[in-house]
C-alpha atoms as a PDB file:
ATOM      1  CA  UNK A   1    -116.140  11.014 -47.279  1.00  0.00           C
ATOM      2  CA  UNK A   2    -118.347   9.315 -45.022  1.00  0.00           C
ATOM      3  CA  UNK A   3    -119.997  11.160 -41.891  1.00  0.00           C
ATOM      4  CA  UNK A   4    -123.231  10.590 -39.662  1.00  0.00           C
ATOM      5  CA  UNK A   5    -126.522  11.739 -39.515  1.00  0.00           C
ATOM      6  CA  UNK A   6    -129.123  12.793 -37.443  1.00  0.00           C
ATOM      7  CA  UNK A   7    -132.835  11.877 -39.226  1.00  0.00           C
ATOM      8  CA  UNK A   8    -133.608  14.184 -41.654  1.00  0.00           C
ATOM      9  CA  UNK A   9    -136.327  15.484 -40.109  1.00  0.00           C
ATOM     10  CA  UNK A  10    -134.441  16.845 -37.218  1.00  0.00           C
ATOM     11  CA  UNK A  11    -131.468  18.942 -38.925  1.00  0.00           C
ATOM     12  CA  UNK A  12    -131.083  22.392 -37.698  1.00  0.00           C
ATOM     13  CA  UNK A  13    -131.443  25.063 -40.866  1.00  0.00           C
ATOM     14  CA  UNK A  14    -128.689  27.325 -40.373  1.00  0.00           C
ATOM     15  CA  UNK A  15    -128.073  30.992 -42.485  1.00  0.00           C
ATOM     16  CA  UNK A  16    -124.489  31.370 -43.254  1.00  0.00           C
ATOM     17  CA  UNK A  17    -124.099  34.393 -44.626  1.00  0.00           C
ATOM     18  CA  UNK A  18    -120.294  34.443 -45.452  1.00  0.00           C
ATOM     19  CA  UNK A  19    -117.791  37.233 -46.854  1.00  0.00           C
ATOM     20  CA  UNK A  20    -114.686  35.511 -47.368  1.00  0.00           C
ATOM     21  CA  UNK A  21    -113.968  32.405 -48.917  1.00  0.00           C
ATOM     22  CA  UNK A  22    -112.244  31.021 -45.591  1.00  0.00           C
ATOM     23  CA  UNK A  23    -115.189  32.686 -43.735  1.00  0.00           C
ATOM     24  CA  UNK A  24    -117.726  30.081 -46.491  1.00  0.00           C
ATOM     25  CA  UNK A  25    -116.426  27.892 -46.366  1.00  0.00           C
ATOM     26  CA  UNK A  26    -115.302  26.152 -42.752  1.00  0.00           C
ATOM     27  CA  UNK A  27    -118.438  27.510 -42.000  1.00  0.00           C
ATOM     28  CA  UNK A  28    -120.333  25.585 -44.591  1.00  0.00           C
ATOM     29  CA  UNK A  29    -118.251  22.303 -43.861  1.00  0.00           C
ATOM     30  CA  UNK A  30    -118.459  22.608 -40.361  1.00  0.00           C
ATOM     31  CA  UNK A  31    -122.098  23.282 -40.200  1.00  0.00           C
ATOM     32  CA  UNK A  32    -122.676  20.303 -42.428  1.00  0.00           C
ATOM     33  CA  UNK A  33    -120.431  17.695 -39.820  1.00  0.00           C
ATOM     34  CA  UNK A  34    -122.480  18.688 -36.785  1.00  0.00           C
ATOM     35  CA  UNK A  35    -125.867  17.552 -39.259  1.00  0.00           C
ATOM     36  CA  UNK A  36    -127.237  21.213 -39.558  1.00  0.00           C
ATOM     37  CA  UNK A  37    -128.378  21.800 -42.903  1.00  0.00           C
ATOM     38  CA  UNK A  38    -126.712  25.256 -44.138  1.00  0.00           C
ATOM     39  CA  UNK A  39    -127.973  27.833 -46.526  1.00  0.00           C
ATOM     40  CA  UNK A  40    -125.565  30.234 -47.094  1.00  0.00           C
ATOM     41  CA  UNK A  41    -125.330  33.099 -48.596  1.00  0.00           C
ATOM     42  CA  UNK A  42    -122.499  35.415 -50.056  1.00  0.00           C
ATOM     43  CA  UNK A  43    -124.352  38.188 -49.090  1.00  0.00           C
ATOM     44  CA  UNK A  44    -126.968  40.513 -46.935  1.00  0.00           C
ATOM     45  CA  UNK A  45    -129.010  40.604 -50.734  1.00  0.00           C
ATOM     46  CA  UNK A  46    -128.587  37.695 -51.033  1.00  0.00           C
ATOM     47  CA  UNK A  47    -130.144  36.590 -47.884  1.00  0.00           C
ATOM     48  CA  UNK A  48    -133.305  38.957 -47.436  1.00  0.00           C
ATOM     49  CA  UNK A  49    -133.816  37.535 -51.140  1.00  0.00           C
ATOM     50  CA  UNK A  50    -135.730  34.430 -49.386  1.00  0.00           C
ATOM     51  CA  UNK A  51    -138.707  36.216 -47.691  1.00  0.00           C
ATOM     52  CA  UNK A  52    -141.238  35.081 -45.156  1.00  0.00           C
ATOM     53  CA  UNK A  53    -138.446  31.485 -44.849  1.00  0.00           C
ATOM     54  CA  UNK A  54    -135.820  33.061 -42.945  1.00  0.00           C
ATOM     55  CA  UNK A  55    -138.978  32.817 -39.978  1.00  0.00           C
ATOM     56  CA  UNK A  56    -138.362  29.011 -40.601  1.00  0.00           C
ATOM     57  CA  UNK A  57    -134.116  28.683 -40.099  1.00  0.00           C
ATOM     58  CA  UNK A  58    -132.871  26.886 -36.421  1.00  0.00           C
ATOM     59  CA  UNK A  59    -129.944  29.825 -35.764  1.00  0.00           C
ATOM     60  CA  UNK A  60    -127.813  31.996 -38.386  1.00  0.00           C
ATOM     61  CA  UNK A  61    -123.708  32.414 -39.047  1.00  0.00           C
ATOM     62  CA  UNK A  62    -123.155  35.610 -39.798  1.00  0.00           C
ATOM     63  CA  UNK A  63    -119.976  37.083 -40.390  1.00  0.00           C
ATOM     64  CA  UNK A  64    -118.961  40.462 -40.119  1.00  0.00           C
ATOM     65  CA  UNK A  65    -117.027  42.108 -42.388  1.00  0.00           C
ATOM     66  CA  UNK A  66    -113.482  44.053 -41.594  1.00  0.00           C
ATOM     67  CA  UNK A  67    -114.235  47.848 -41.924  1.00  0.00           C
ATOM     68  CA  UNK A  68    -110.541  48.202 -44.921  1.00  0.00           C
ATOM     69  CA  UNK A  69    -112.186  44.935 -46.358  1.00  0.00           C
ATOM     70  CA  UNK A  70    -113.714  46.938 -49.015  1.00  0.00           C
ATOM     71  CA  UNK A  71    -117.291  45.968 -48.261  1.00  0.00           C
ATOM     72  CA  UNK A  72    -119.599  48.395 -48.331  1.00  0.00           C
ATOM     73  CA  UNK A  73    -121.923  48.609 -46.054  1.00  0.00           C
ATOM     74  CA  UNK A  74    -124.145  50.483 -42.894  1.00  0.00           C
ATOM     75  CA  UNK A  75    -123.131  47.635 -40.575  1.00  0.00           C
ATOM     76  CA  UNK A  76    -126.214  49.307 -38.127  1.00  0.00           C
ATOM     77  CA  UNK A  77    -128.534  49.350 -41.186  1.00  0.00           C
ATOM     78  CA  UNK A  78    -127.673  45.753 -41.928  1.00  0.00           C
ATOM     79  CA  UNK A  79    -128.467  44.455 -38.362  1.00  0.00           C
ATOM     80  CA  UNK A  80    -131.425  45.965 -38.139  1.00  0.00           C
ATOM     81  CA  UNK A  81    -132.152  44.300 -41.720  1.00  0.00           C
ATOM     82  CA  UNK A  82    -131.418  41.496 -39.952  1.00  0.00           C
ATOM     83  CA  UNK A  83    -133.724  40.989 -37.408  1.00  0.00           C
ATOM     84  CA  UNK A  84    -136.045  42.324 -39.482  1.00  0.00           C
ATOM     85  CA  UNK A  85    -136.053  38.887 -40.753  1.00  0.00           C
ATOM     86  CA  UNK A  86    -135.626  36.690 -38.835  1.00  0.00           C
ATOM     87  CA  UNK A  87    -137.354  38.503 -35.156  1.00  0.00           C
ATOM     88  CA  UNK A  88    -135.152  38.823 -32.049  1.00  0.00           C
ATOM     89  CA  UNK A  89    -135.447  35.160 -30.902  1.00  0.00           C
ATOM     90  CA  UNK A  90    -133.214  33.753 -33.639  1.00  0.00           C
ATOM     91  CA  UNK A  91    -130.012  32.619 -32.037  1.00  0.00           C
ATOM     92  CA  UNK A  92    -127.418  33.977 -34.479  1.00  0.00           C
ATOM     93  CA  UNK A  93    -123.526  32.846 -34.365  1.00  0.00           C
ATOM     94  CA  UNK A  94    -121.578  36.438 -34.906  1.00  0.00           C
ATOM     95  CA  UNK A  95    -118.564  36.236 -36.366  1.00  0.00           C
ATOM     96  CA  UNK A  96    -115.391  39.338 -36.346  1.00  0.00           C
ATOM     97  CA  UNK A  97    -111.669  39.038 -37.169  1.00  0.00           C
ATOM     98  CA  UNK A  98    -110.748  41.887 -35.695  1.00  0.00           C
ATOM     99  CA  UNK A  99    -112.110  43.315 -31.817  1.00  0.00           C
ATOM    100  CA  UNK A 100    -114.512  45.926 -33.103  1.00  0.00           C
ATOM    101  CA  UNK A 101    -114.303  48.149 -29.566  1.00  0.00           C
ATOM    102  CA  UNK A 102    -118.295  48.796 -29.996  1.00  0.00           C
ATOM    103  CA  UNK A 103    -121.545  47.115 -30.307  1.00  0.00           C
ATOM    104  CA  UNK A 104    -121.717  44.246 -32.690  1.00  0.00           C
ATOM    105  CA  UNK A 105    -125.250  45.236 -34.659  1.00  0.00           C
ATOM    106  CA  UNK A 106    -128.165  42.642 -34.759  1.00  0.00           C
ATOM    107  CA  UNK A 107    -126.552  41.487 -31.302  1.00  0.00           C
ATOM    108  CA  UNK A 108    -129.110  40.149 -28.847  1.00  0.00           C
ATOM    109  CA  UNK A 109    -129.004  38.315 -25.949  1.00  0.00           C
ATOM    110  CA  UNK A 110    -128.917  34.411 -26.282  1.00  0.00           C
ATOM    111  CA  UNK A 111    -126.284  35.003 -29.047  1.00  0.00           C
ATOM    112  CA  UNK A 112    -122.310  34.371 -29.117  1.00  0.00           C
ATOM    113  CA  UNK A 113    -119.497  36.343 -30.981  1.00  0.00           C
ATOM    114  CA  UNK A 114    -117.437  34.338 -32.815  1.00  0.00           C
ATOM    115  CA  UNK A 115    -113.461  35.378 -33.713  1.00  0.00           C
ATOM    116  CA  UNK A 116    -113.516  34.462 -37.428  1.00  0.00           C
ATOM    117  CA  UNK A 117    -109.454  32.888 -36.189  1.00  0.00           C
ATOM    118  CA  UNK A 118    -110.400  29.923 -34.647  1.00  0.00           C
ATOM    119  CA  UNK A 119    -108.858  27.081 -36.376  1.00  0.00           C
ATOM    120  CA  UNK A 120    -111.582  24.018 -37.650  1.00  0.00           C
ATOM    121  CA  UNK A 121    -112.010  21.985 -34.956  1.00  0.00           C
ATOM    122  CA  UNK A 122    -112.329  25.204 -32.364  1.00  0.00           C
ATOM    123  CA  UNK A 123    -115.107  25.791 -34.430  1.00  0.00           C
ATOM    124  CA  UNK A 124    -117.158  22.603 -34.552  1.00  0.00           C
ATOM    125  CA  UNK A 125    -116.487  22.901 -30.931  1.00  0.00           C
ATOM    126  CA  UNK A 126    -117.844  25.870 -30.413  1.00  0.00           C
ATOM    127  CA  UNK A 127    -120.616  25.452 -32.808  1.00  0.00           C
ATOM    128  CA  UNK A 128    -121.752  22.312 -31.180  1.00  0.00           C
ATOM    129  CA  UNK A 129    -121.818  24.102 -27.992  1.00  0.00           C
ATOM    130  CA  UNK A 130    -123.920  26.308 -29.150  1.00  0.00           C
ATOM    131  CA  UNK A 131    -126.262  24.354 -30.946  1.00  0.00           C
ATOM    132  CA  UNK A 132    -126.702  22.245 -27.703  1.00  0.00           C
ATOM    133  CA  UNK A 133    -127.037  25.303 -25.799  1.00  0.00           C
ATOM    134  CA  UNK A 134    -130.046  25.834 -28.020  1.00  0.00           C
ATOM    135  CA  UNK A 135    -131.178  22.699 -27.591  1.00  0.00           C
ATOM    136  CA  UNK A 136    -130.553  22.070 -31.530  1.00  0.00           C
ATOM    137  CA  UNK A 137    -129.470  18.230 -32.802  1.00  0.00           C
ATOM    138  CA  UNK A 138    -126.119  17.990 -34.163  1.00  0.00           C
ATOM    139  CA  UNK A 139    -123.621  15.295 -34.772  1.00  0.00           C
ATOM    140  CA  UNK A 140    -120.842  13.484 -33.733  1.00  0.00           C
ATOM    141  CA  UNK A 141    -117.753  15.633 -35.021  1.00  0.00           C
ATOM    142  CA  UNK A 142    -115.784  12.307 -37.454  1.00  0.00           C
ATOM    143  CA  UNK A 143    -114.416  13.027 -40.753  1.00  0.00           C
ATOM    144  CA  UNK A 144    -113.766   9.672 -42.905  1.00  0.00           C
ATOM    145  CA  UNK A 145    -111.610   9.631 -46.021  1.00  0.00           C
ATOM    146  CA  UNK A 146    -111.081   5.357 -46.333  1.00  0.00           C
ATOM    147  CA  UNK A 147    -108.230   4.768 -43.659  1.00  0.00           C
ATOM    148  CA  UNK A 148    -108.110   7.929 -42.200  1.00  0.00           C
ATOM    149  CA  UNK A 149    -110.887   9.592 -39.904  1.00  0.00           C
ATOM    150  CA  UNK A 150    -110.144  12.939 -37.869  1.00  0.00           C
ATOM    151  CA  UNK A 151    -111.679  13.750 -34.357  1.00  0.00           C
ATOM    152  CA  UNK A 152    -112.211  17.165 -34.220  1.00  0.00           C
ATOM    153  CA  UNK A 153    -112.739  16.467 -30.352  1.00  0.00           C
ATOM    154  CA  UNK A 154    -109.854  15.896 -29.711  1.00  0.00           C
ATOM    155  CA  UNK A 155    -107.776  17.509 -32.683  1.00  0.00           C
ATOM    156  CA  UNK A 156    -106.468  13.757 -34.123  1.00  0.00           C
ATOM    157  CA  UNK A 157    -106.446  11.742 -37.461  1.00  0.00           C
ATOM    158  CA  UNK A 158    -106.142   8.509 -36.783  1.00  0.00           C
ATOM    159  CA  UNK A 159    -104.882   5.642 -39.446  1.00  0.00           C
ATOM    160  CA  UNK A 160    -106.606   2.922 -38.284  1.00  0.00           C
ATOM    161  CA  UNK A 161    -106.573   2.533 -34.841  1.00  0.00           C
ATOM    162  CA  UNK A 162    -103.680   4.402 -34.563  1.00  0.00           C
ATOM    163  CA  UNK A 163    -103.968   7.968 -33.182  1.00  0.00           C
ATOM    164  CA  UNK A 164    -101.805  10.983 -35.328  1.00  0.00           C
ATOM    165  CA  UNK A 165    -101.323  14.245 -33.801  1.00  0.00           C
ATOM    166  CA  UNK A 166    -101.126  17.875 -35.229  1.00  0.00           C
ATOM    167  CA  UNK A 167    -100.913  21.408 -34.711  1.00  0.00           C
ATOM    168  CA  UNK A 168    -104.026  23.350 -35.606  1.00  0.00           C
ATOM    169  CA  UNK A 169    -102.499  24.311 -38.631  1.00  0.00           C
ATOM    170  CA  UNK A 170    -101.647  20.654 -40.114  1.00  0.00           C
ATOM    171  CA  UNK A 171    -105.070  19.773 -38.775  1.00  0.00           C
ATOM    172  CA  UNK A 172    -106.309  22.411 -41.250  1.00  0.00           C
ATOM    173  CA  UNK A 173    -104.297  21.733 -43.743  1.00  0.00           C
ATOM    174  CA  UNK A 174    -104.798  17.596 -43.905  1.00  0.00           C
ATOM    175  CA  UNK A 175    -108.675  18.308 -43.346  1.00  0.00           C
ATOM    176  CA  UNK A 176    -108.497  20.782 -46.717  1.00  0.00           C
ATOM    177  CA  UNK A 177    -106.046  17.772 -48.751  1.00  0.00           C
ATOM    178  CA  UNK A 178    -108.971  15.672 -48.004  1.00  0.00           C
ATOM    179  CA  UNK A 179    -111.964  18.026 -48.626  1.00  0.00           C
ATOM    180  CA  UNK A 180    -110.396  18.619 -51.593  1.00  0.00           C
ATOM    181  CA  UNK A 181    -108.960  15.733 -52.701  1.00  0.00           C
ATOM    182  CA  UNK A 182    -108.644  15.054 -56.426  1.00  0.00           C
ATOM    183  CA  UNK A 183    -108.360  18.843 -56.752  1.00  0.00           C
ATOM    184  CA  UNK A 184    -105.101  20.607 -57.698  1.00  0.00           C
ATOM    185  CA  UNK A 185    -104.464  23.313 -55.201  1.00  0.00           C
ATOM    186  CA  UNK A 186    -102.936  26.628 -55.413  1.00  0.00           C
ATOM    187  CA  UNK A 187    -100.761  28.840 -52.981  1.00  0.00           C
ATOM    188  CA  UNK A 188    -102.684  31.600 -52.511  1.00  0.00           C
ATOM    189  CA  UNK A 189    -105.693  29.670 -51.993  1.00  0.00           C
ATOM    190  CA  UNK A 190    -103.956  27.309 -48.551  1.00  0.00           C
ATOM    191  CA  UNK A 191    -102.840  30.871 -47.545  1.00  0.00           C
ATOM    192  CA  UNK A 192    -105.686  32.653 -47.264  1.00  0.00           C
ATOM    193  CA  UNK A 193    -107.696  28.966 -45.786  1.00  0.00           C
ATOM    194  CA  UNK A 194    -105.112  29.165 -43.122  1.00  0.00           C
ATOM    195  CA  UNK A 195    -103.342  32.419 -42.068  1.00  0.00           C
ATOM    196  CA  UNK A 196    -101.271  30.550 -39.888  1.00  0.00           C
ATOM    197  CA  UNK A 197     -99.614  29.409 -42.671  1.00  0.00           C
ATOM    198  CA  UNK A 198     -97.433  33.325 -43.594  1.00  0.00           C
ATOM    199  CA  UNK A 199     -95.984  33.361 -40.367  1.00  0.00           C
ATOM    200  CA  UNK A 200     -94.430  30.126 -38.872  1.00  0.00           C
ATOM    201  CA  UNK A 201     -91.040  29.967 -39.603  1.00  0.00           C
ATOM    202  CA  UNK A 202     -89.296  29.276 -42.903  1.00  0.00           C
ATOM    203  CA  UNK A 203     -86.292  26.468 -43.549  1.00  0.00           C
ATOM    204  CA  UNK A 204     -83.888  28.112 -46.389  1.00  0.00           C
ATOM    205  CA  UNK A 205     -84.405  28.114 -49.621  1.00  0.00           C
ATOM    206  CA  UNK A 206     -88.063  26.424 -48.974  1.00  0.00           C
ATOM    207  CA  UNK A 207     -91.910  28.055 -48.078  1.00  0.00           C
ATOM    208  CA  UNK A 208     -93.309  27.407 -44.312  1.00  0.00           C
ATOM    209  CA  UNK A 209     -96.280  26.183 -46.952  1.00  0.00           C
ATOM    210  CA  UNK A 210     -94.141  23.489 -48.700  1.00  0.00           C
ATOM    211  CA  UNK A 211     -92.393  22.414 -45.449  1.00  0.00           C
ATOM    212  CA  UNK A 212     -95.561  22.095 -43.404  1.00  0.00           C
ATOM    213  CA  UNK A 213     -97.316  20.211 -46.720  1.00  0.00           C
ATOM    214  CA  UNK A 214     -93.842  17.451 -46.277  1.00  0.00           C
ATOM    215  CA  UNK A 215     -94.610  17.692 -42.760  1.00  0.00           C
ATOM    216  CA  UNK A 216     -98.265  16.793 -42.794  1.00  0.00           C
ATOM    217  CA  UNK A 217     -97.694  14.206 -45.375  1.00  0.00           C
ATOM    218  CA  UNK A 218     -95.357  12.507 -43.244  1.00  0.00           C
ATOM    219  CA  UNK A 219     -97.183  12.451 -40.362  1.00  0.00           C
ATOM    220  CA  UNK A 220    -100.079  11.020 -41.933  1.00  0.00           C
ATOM    221  CA  UNK A 221     -97.779   8.811 -44.075  1.00  0.00           C
ATOM    222  CA  UNK A 222     -99.667   9.560 -47.404  1.00  0.00           C
ATOM    223  CA  UNK A 223     -98.451   6.876 -49.288  1.00  0.00           C
ATOM    224  CA  UNK A 224    -100.406   4.790 -51.892  1.00  0.00           C
ATOM    225  CA  UNK A 225    -100.298   2.241 -49.582  1.00  0.00           C
ATOM    226  CA  UNK A 226    -102.992   3.896 -47.306  1.00  0.00           C
ATOM    227  CA  UNK A 227    -104.690   5.199 -50.951  1.00  0.00           C
ATOM    228  CA  UNK A 228    -104.189   7.993 -50.992  1.00  0.00           C
ATOM    229  CA  UNK A 229    -100.793  10.065 -52.288  1.00  0.00           C
ATOM    230  CA  UNK A 230    -100.080  13.549 -51.928  1.00  0.00           C
ATOM    231  CA  UNK A 231     -98.309  15.279 -54.944  1.00  0.00           C
ATOM    232  CA  UNK A 232     -96.414  18.210 -53.981  1.00  0.00           C
ATOM    233  CA  UNK A 233     -95.558  21.203 -56.288  1.00  0.00           C
ATOM    234  CA  UNK A 234     -92.699  23.276 -54.566  1.00  0.00           C
ATOM    235  CA  UNK A 235     -93.927  26.913 -54.620  1.00  0.00           C
ATOM    236  CA  UNK A 236     -96.992  26.411 -56.354  1.00  0.00           C
ATOM    237  CA  UNK A 237     -99.566  24.066 -55.799  1.00  0.00           C
ATOM    238  CA  UNK A 238    -100.883  20.457 -54.141  1.00  0.00           C
ATOM    239  CA  UNK A 239    -102.674  17.759 -55.045  1.00  0.00           C
ATOM    240  CA  UNK A 240    -103.896  14.947 -53.022  1.00  0.00           C
ATOM    241  CA  UNK A 241    -104.782  11.687 -55.027  1.00  0.00           C
ATOM    242  CA  UNK A 242    -105.819   8.346 -54.123  1.00  0.00           C
ATOM    243  CA  UNK A 243    -103.719   6.059 -54.554  1.00  0.00           C
ATOM    244  CA  UNK A 244    -105.760   3.711 -57.638  1.00  0.00           C
ATOM    245  CA  UNK A 245    -106.381   7.090 -59.587  1.00  0.00           C
ATOM    246  CA  UNK A 246    -102.625   6.590 -59.901  1.00  0.00           C
ATOM    247  CA  UNK A 247    -102.364   6.020 -63.964  1.00  0.00           C
END
């Protein structure tokens, strides 16, 4: 994968506190695409261990756990502990999976509420707008793997100079394949990272995930002549491999 970066000393440091794999991976990837330095923490206690270094952050992306997730924490207390650590002036993006119907702990003027269900392209566009609002530098949102270029601004994938339009869930699925190139990806992982795969219509005798995988393979022509080959084990797993690595 190739992407450009601004000068190292201008890259914003962003704390990412995320409890779920999807929020953690999407947040980390999006921040890196935008030219930020993501500092990833699995929970609040891990974040608080950095102490005074939290005062050198440019921004925070904070996932609020779903009440039924089994993560036991006092939201109000957690919010106060965060603000005690970073101060009231640090801009925070609050990612929520559901409408809470009440106040968001640690929310201050200049913060933003973010639906946790956003696609990767939507997440990148939204975070870039927030960074610009707070005068923080950003990158062009472009990801490249050989002949394949993913533009999160347009939602298009370019194969060489040829644009290919994908649905949001197809765009996310294709990115998941490339981000994990050379690694076998299980169906549970795909469904966790792209929840809409669980609600897509199925064809007779074919899981929705398999149908979408085969459609993405055809749309992006993931064949050896373009340097990549998508191997699908129906109902179980898949793997995108470089064609020059095939035996």
